[in-house]
C-alpha atoms as a PDB file:
ATOM      1  CA  MET A   1     106.586 110.274  75.476  1.00  0.00           C
ATOM      2  CA  CYS A   2     103.060 109.436  76.147  1.00  0.00           C
ATOM      3  CA  GLY A   3     102.004 105.673  75.997  1.00  0.00           C
ATOM      4  CA  PHE A   4      99.113 106.485  73.936  1.00  0.00           C
ATOM      5  CA  ASN A   5     101.486 107.937  71.294  1.00  0.00           C
ATOM      6  CA  ILE A   6     103.545 104.679  71.377  1.00  0.00           C
ATOM      7  CA  LEU A   7     100.499 102.642  71.290  1.00  0.00           C
ATOM      8  CA  SER A   8      98.731 104.643  68.357  1.00  0.00           C
ATOM      9  CA  ALA A   9     102.384 104.904  66.281  1.00  0.00           C
ATOM     10  CA  ASN A  10     101.090 108.352  65.194  1.00  0.00           C
ATOM     11  CA  ASN A  11     104.422 110.203  65.560  1.00  0.00           C
ATOM     12  CA  ILE A  12     106.548 106.697  64.896  1.00  0.00           C
ATOM     13  CA  SER A  13     104.461 106.383  61.597  1.00  0.00           C
ATOM     14  CA  ALA A  14     105.323 110.075  60.721  1.00  0.00           C
ATOM     15  CA  LEU A  15     108.723 109.612  61.472  1.00  0.00           C
ATOM     16  CA  LYS A  16     109.323 106.614  59.351  1.00  0.00           C
ATOM     17  CA  LYS A  17     107.640 108.293  56.456  1.00  0.00           C
ATOM     18  CA  LYS A  18     110.086 111.214  56.740  1.00  0.00           C
ATOM     19  CA  LEU A  19     113.020 108.782  56.993  1.00  0.00           C
ATOM     20  CA  GLU A  20     111.970 106.929  53.948  1.00  0.00           C
ATOM     21  CA  GLN A  21     112.084 110.339  52.124  1.00  0.00           C
ATOM     22  CA  PHE A  22     115.801 110.398  52.633  1.00  0.00           C
ATOM     23  CA  ASP A  23     117.748 108.076  50.015  1.00  0.00           C
ATOM     24  CA  ARG A  24     120.855 109.857  50.894  1.00  0.00           C
ATOM     25  CA  THR A  25     121.582 113.028  52.910  1.00  0.00           C
ATOM     26  CA  VAL A  26     123.439 115.723  51.519  1.00  0.00           C
ATOM     27  CA  ILE A  27     125.866 115.345  54.228  1.00  0.00           C
ATOM     28  CA  GLU A  28     126.811 111.774  53.613  1.00  0.00           C
ATOM     29  CA  PRO A  29     128.296 111.048  57.121  1.00  0.00           C
ATOM     30  CA  LEU A  30     124.881 111.308  58.348  1.00  0.00           C
ATOM     31  CA  ASN A  31     123.432 108.499  56.161  1.00  0.00           C
ATOM     32  CA  PRO A  32     124.476 105.745  58.720  1.00  0.00           C
ATOM     33  CA  VAL A  33     122.904 107.619  61.418  1.00  0.00           C
ATOM     34  CA  ILE A  34     119.882 107.839  59.433  1.00  0.00           C
ATOM     35  CA  LYS A  35     119.941 103.939  58.836  1.00  0.00           C
ATOM     36  CA  LYS A  36     120.215 103.313  62.602  1.00  0.00           C
ATOM     37  CA  MET A  37     117.195 105.397  63.009  1.00  0.00           C
ATOM     38  CA  GLU A  38     115.279 103.731  60.664  1.00  0.00           C
ATOM     39  CA  ASP A  39     116.101 100.287  62.158  1.00  0.00           C
ATOM     40  CA  ALA A  40     115.193 101.677  65.737  1.00  0.00           C
ATOM     41  CA  PHE A  41     111.634 102.091  64.292  1.00  0.00           C
ATOM     42  CA  ASP A  42     111.382  99.321  61.763  1.00  0.00           C
ATOM     43  CA  ASN A  43     109.667  96.779  64.148  1.00  0.00           C
ATOM     44  CA  PHE A  44     106.760  99.544  65.136  1.00  0.00           C
ATOM     45  CA  LYS A  45     103.567  98.509  63.762  1.00  0.00           C
ATOM     46  CA  GLU A  46     100.563 100.656  62.432  1.00  0.00           C
ATOM     47  CA  PRO A  47      97.513 100.623  64.788  1.00  0.00           C
ATOM     48  CA  GLU A  48      94.808  97.800  64.883  1.00  0.00           C
ATOM     49  CA  ALA A  49      91.116  98.391  64.475  1.00  0.00           C
ATOM     50  CA  SER A  50      91.043  99.507  68.148  1.00  0.00           C
ATOM     51  CA  GLY A  51      93.407 102.602  67.163  1.00  0.00           C
ATOM     52  CA  PHE A  52      96.193 101.345  69.173  1.00  0.00           C
ATOM     53  CA  ASN A  53      98.668  98.298  68.715  1.00  0.00           C
ATOM     54  CA  TRP A  54      99.921  97.034  72.307  1.00  0.00           C
ATOM     55  CA  LYS A  55     102.951  95.243  70.453  1.00  0.00           C
ATOM     56  CA  ASN A  56     104.378  98.637  69.945  1.00  0.00           C
ATOM     57  CA  GLY A  57     104.830  98.847  73.729  1.00  0.00           C
ATOM     58  CA  MET A  58     106.773  95.570  73.911  1.00  0.00           C
ATOM     59  CA  GLU A  59     108.900  97.318  71.149  1.00  0.00           C
ATOM     60  CA  ALA A  60     109.284 100.669  73.219  1.00  0.00           C
ATOM     61  CA  ALA A  61     110.192  98.596  76.508  1.00  0.00           C
ATOM     62  CA  LYS A  62     112.686  96.600  74.289  1.00  0.00           C
ATOM     63  CA  TRP A  63     114.312  99.695  72.980  1.00  0.00           C
ATOM     64  CA  CYS A  64     114.316 100.904  76.485  1.00  0.00           C
ATOM     65  CA  LEU A  65     116.202  97.769  77.662  1.00  0.00           C
ATOM     66  CA  ASN A  66     118.505  97.696  74.886  1.00  0.00           C
ATOM     67  CA  ASN A  67     119.406 101.581  75.714  1.00  0.00           C
ATOM     68  CA  HIS A  68     119.975 101.135  79.258  1.00  0.00           C
ATOM     69  CA  LEU A  69     116.821 103.043  80.367  1.00  0.00           C
ATOM     70  CA  PHE A  70     115.421 100.507  83.009  1.00  0.00           C
ATOM     71  CA  GLN A  71     112.747 102.537  84.799  1.00  0.00           C
ATOM     72  CA  GLN A  72     111.187 103.407  81.470  1.00  0.00           C
ATOM     73  CA  ALA A  73     111.335  99.814  80.170  1.00  0.00           C
ATOM     74  CA  ALA A  74     109.914  98.462  83.378  1.00  0.00           C
ATOM     75  CA  THR A  75     107.011 101.233  83.327  1.00  0.00           C
ATOM     76  CA  ILE A  76     106.021 100.810  79.529  1.00  0.00           C
ATOM     77  CA  LEU A  77     106.326  97.175  79.926  1.00  0.00           C
ATOM     78  CA  GLN A  78     104.048  96.874  82.845  1.00  0.00           C
ATOM     79  CA  GLU A  79     101.427  99.190  81.160  1.00  0.00           C
ATOM     80  CA  CYS A  80     101.713  97.588  77.793  1.00  0.00           C
ATOM     81  CA  VAL A  81     100.389  94.282  79.624  1.00  0.00           C
ATOM     82  CA  VAL A  82      97.665  95.936  81.055  1.00  0.00           C
ATOM     83  CA  THR A  83      96.616  97.571  77.901  1.00  0.00           C
ATOM     84  CA  TYR A  84      97.092  93.894  76.472  1.00  0.00           C
ATOM     85  CA  PHE A  85      94.342  92.808  78.895  1.00  0.00           C
ATOM     86  CA  CYS A  86      92.234  95.767  78.579  1.00  0.00           C
ATOM     87  CA  LEU A  87      91.929  95.424  74.631  1.00  0.00           C
ATOM     88  CA  LYS A  88      91.362  91.457  75.104  1.00  0.00           C
ATOM     89  CA  TYR A  89      88.450  91.998  77.375  1.00  0.00           C
ATOM     90  CA  GLY A  90      87.139  95.328  76.094  1.00  0.00           C
ATOM     91  CA  LEU A  91      87.892  97.349  78.714  1.00  0.00           C
ATOM     92  CA  ASP A  92      88.696 101.080  77.974  1.00  0.00           C
ATOM     93  CA  ILE A  93      92.307 101.500  77.969  1.00  0.00           C
ATOM     94  CA  SER A  94      92.113 105.004  79.165  1.00  0.00           C
ATOM     95  CA  SER A  95      90.072 104.498  82.354  1.00  0.00           C
ATOM     96  CA  ASP A  96      92.172 104.092  85.544  1.00  0.00           C
ATOM     97  CA  THR A  97      89.396 102.306  87.097  1.00  0.00           C
ATOM     98  CA  GLN A  98      89.345  99.361  84.521  1.00  0.00           C
ATOM     99  CA  ARG A  99      93.318  99.516  84.117  1.00  0.00           C
ATOM    100  CA  LYS A 100      93.173  99.011  88.011  1.00  0.00           C
ATOM    101  CA  LEU A 101      90.961  96.240  87.614  1.00  0.00           C
ATOM    102  CA  VAL A 102      93.543  94.557  85.457  1.00  0.00           C
ATOM    103  CA  ASN A 103      96.278  95.318  87.972  1.00  0.00           C
ATOM    104  CA  GLY A 104      94.016  93.823  90.680  1.00  0.00           C
ATOM    105  CA  ALA A 105      93.802  90.617  88.966  1.00  0.00           C
ATOM    106  CA  PHE A 106      97.485  90.140  88.871  1.00  0.00           C
ATOM    107  CA  ALA A 107      97.506  90.899  92.532  1.00  0.00           C
ATOM    108  CA  LYS A 108      94.770  88.444  93.223  1.00  0.00           C
ATOM    109  CA  CYS A 109      96.515  85.413  91.286  1.00  0.00           C
ATOM    110  CA  GLN A 110      99.286  86.246  93.087  1.00  0.00           C
ATOM    111  CA  LYS A 111      97.896  86.307  96.354  1.00  0.00           C
ATOM    112  CA  ILE A 112      95.694  83.302  95.796  1.00  0.00           C
ATOM    113  CA  ASN A 113      98.636  81.245  94.773  1.00  0.00           C
ATOM    114  CA  SER A 114     100.912  82.245  97.411  1.00  0.00           C
ATOM    115  CA  SER A 115     101.774  79.993 100.421  1.00  0.00           C
ATOM    116  CA  LYS A 116     102.301  83.206 102.377  1.00  0.00           C
ATOM    117  CA  THR A 117      98.675  84.243 102.152  1.00  0.00           C
ATOM    118  CA  LYS A 118      96.373  83.042 105.039  1.00  0.00           C
ATOM    119  CA  VAL A 119      93.480  80.648 104.147  1.00  0.00           C
ATOM    120  CA  ASP A 120      90.842  83.796 105.305  1.00  0.00           C
ATOM    121  CA  GLU A 121      92.419  86.230 103.067  1.00  0.00           C
ATOM    122  CA  LYS A 122      92.164  83.688 100.039  1.00  0.00           C
ATOM    123  CA  GLU A 123      88.380  83.397 100.682  1.00  0.00           C
ATOM    124  CA  VAL A 124      87.981  87.164 100.877  1.00  0.00           C
ATOM    125  CA  ILE A 125      89.930  87.316  97.585  1.00  0.00           C
ATOM    126  CA  LYS A 126      87.728  84.336  96.224  1.00  0.00           C
ATOM    127  CA  LYS A 127      84.497  86.021  97.162  1.00  0.00           C
ATOM    128  CA  GLU A 128      85.664  89.502  95.532  1.00  0.00           C
ATOM    129  CA  ILE A 129      86.408  87.527  92.424  1.00  0.00           C
ATOM    130  CA  ALA A 130      83.067  85.824  92.430  1.00  0.00           C
ATOM    131  CA  GLU A 131      81.301  89.110  92.758  1.00  0.00           C
ATOM    132  CA  SER A 132      82.857  90.789  89.366  1.00  0.00           C
ATOM    133  CA  LYS A 133      82.144  89.298  85.980  1.00  0.00           C
ATOM    134  CA  ILE A 134      85.289  90.942  84.743  1.00  0.00           C
ATOM    135  CA  LEU A 135      87.773  89.723  87.530  1.00  0.00           C
ATOM    136  CA  GLN A 136      86.113  86.407  86.958  1.00  0.00           C
ATOM    137  CA  LYS A 137      87.105  86.650  83.199  1.00  0.00           C
ATOM    138  CA  LEU A 138      90.789  87.968  84.192  1.00  0.00           C
ATOM    139  CA  THR A 139      91.530  85.739  86.514  1.00  0.00           C
ATOM    140  CA  SER A 140      90.601  82.611  85.010  1.00  0.00           C
ATOM    141  CA  ASP A 141      92.545  83.906  81.894  1.00  0.00           C
ATOM    142  CA  ASN A 142      95.172  81.263  80.792  1.00  0.00           C
ATOM    143  CA  ILE A 143      97.829  83.985  80.455  1.00  0.00           C
ATOM    144  CA  LEU A 144      97.026  86.303  83.294  1.00  0.00           C
ATOM    145  CA  SER A 145      96.664  83.313  85.654  1.00  0.00           C
ATOM    146  CA  ASP A 146     100.081  81.909  84.567  1.00  0.00           C
ATOM    147  CA  ARG A 147     102.399  81.739  87.436  1.00  0.00           C
ATOM    148  CA  GLU A 148     105.248  83.033  85.284  1.00  0.00           C
ATOM    149  CA  VAL A 149     103.366  85.658  84.155  1.00  0.00           C
ATOM    150  CA  TYR A 150     101.845  87.144  87.198  1.00  0.00           C
ATOM    151  CA  GLU A 151     105.126  86.649  89.043  1.00  0.00           C
ATOM    152  CA  ALA A 152     106.662  88.478  86.332  1.00  0.00           C
ATOM    153  CA  PHE A 153     104.353  91.241  86.670  1.00  0.00           C
ATOM    154  CA  SER A 154     104.365  91.324  90.510  1.00  0.00           C
ATOM    155  CA  SER A 155     107.974  91.457  90.246  1.00  0.00           C
ATOM    156  CA  LEU A 156     107.763  94.671  87.958  1.00  0.00           C
ATOM    157  CA  THR A 157     105.831  96.271  90.576  1.00  0.00           C
ATOM    158  CA  ASP A 158     108.423  95.676  93.312  1.00  0.00           C
ATOM    159  CA  ASP A 159     111.136  96.817  91.132  1.00  0.00           C
ATOM    160  CA  ARG A 160     109.157 100.028  89.714  1.00  0.00           C
ATOM    161  CA  ASN A 161     108.777 100.641  93.534  1.00  0.00           C
ATOM    162  CA  ASP A 162     112.407 100.286  94.258  1.00  0.00           C
ATOM    163  CA  ILE A 163     113.182 102.839  91.477  1.00  0.00           C
ATOM    164  CA  ASN A 164     110.785 105.274  92.135  1.00  0.00           C
ATOM    165  CA  HIS A 165     111.411 105.454  95.937  1.00  0.00           C
ATOM    166  CA  SER A 166     115.217 105.495  95.134  1.00  0.00           C
ATOM    167  CA  GLY A 167     115.367 102.019  97.165  1.00  0.00           C
ATOM    168  CA  MET A 168     113.966 103.919 100.430  1.00  0.00           C
ATOM    169  CA  ARG A 169     112.012 100.689 101.175  1.00  0.00           C
ATOM    170  CA  SER A 170     112.473  97.734 103.290  1.00  0.00           C
ATOM    171  CA  GLN A 171     114.565  95.246 101.697  1.00  0.00           C
ATOM    172  CA  PRO A 172     115.122  96.883  98.164  1.00  0.00           C
ATOM    173  CA  HIS A 173     116.692  95.015  95.336  1.00  0.00           C
ATOM    174  CA  SER A 174     119.841  95.766  93.995  1.00  0.00           C
ATOM    175  CA  ALA A 175     120.427  97.485  90.668  1.00  0.00           C
ATOM    176  CA  ASP A 176     121.678  94.292  89.245  1.00  0.00           C
ATOM    177  CA  ARG A 177     118.712  92.557  90.404  1.00  0.00           C
ATOM    178  CA  ILE A 178     116.452  95.109  89.189  1.00  0.00           C
ATOM    179  CA  ARG A 179     118.090  95.080  85.570  1.00  0.00           C
ATOM    180  CA  LYS A 180     117.761  91.166  85.631  1.00  0.00           C
ATOM    181  CA  ASN A 181     114.171  90.988  86.828  1.00  0.00           C
ATOM    182  CA  ILE A 182     113.123  93.704  84.319  1.00  0.00           C
ATOM    183  CA  ARG A 183     114.708  91.571  81.285  1.00  0.00           C
ATOM    184  CA  ASN A 184     113.379  88.559  82.648  1.00  0.00           C
ATOM    185  CA  ALA A 185     109.995  89.925  82.801  1.00  0.00           C
ATOM    186  CA  TYR A 186     110.164  91.273  79.208  1.00  0.00           C
ATOM    187  CA  ASP A 187     111.038  87.807  77.960  1.00  0.00           C
ATOM    188  CA  VAL A 188     108.229  86.087  79.927  1.00  0.00           C
ATOM    189  CA  PHE A 189     105.881  88.484  78.371  1.00  0.00           C
ATOM    190  CA  GLU A 190     107.470  88.364  75.224  1.00  0.00           C
ATOM    191  CA  SER A 191     106.907  84.520  75.120  1.00  0.00           C
ATOM    192  CA  LYS A 192     103.528  84.294  76.496  1.00  0.00           C
ATOM    193  CA  LEU A 193     101.719  87.166  74.927  1.00  0.00           C
ATOM    194  CA  LEU A 194     103.504  87.506  71.593  1.00  0.00           C
END
């Protein structure tokens, strides 16, 4: 499923309308199935003025978590958070360059505040931020620069890499830890962004 379809709710809106047309099915044992389908899509919202609703990404990630689709949950969740900041700062959500700026802002917040980052590297990062108005806005955003938020985002990046590379990395996380991290990241984003 394309992320833009989730955010615009086009297919979801059409499906919800079709499901509403079924007061009862001809095959009565299917009624509970239809009810479950209605419930699954109940929290998806219509698009906002931008034509998108980033909160639908949160709903999709939650659905994936609840159905043990952890790779999809991590991907949708991280892309949803990037979309949130793109929309907040008037960036084009379909621009790879502008989405990379948001990803970069998370990485810069992480590195600047890490005790592992060398002083001279921190100075280079601060100079990069000073030279870009949008990076200044992003890295000074109260939510994006919140330690819990940028650490959850960074953790998702590591977990996505572990999953996508089948753990063929130095010190990959265990499957249990990945699941726990993804659920934790969802909880952090839900509490801070919503």
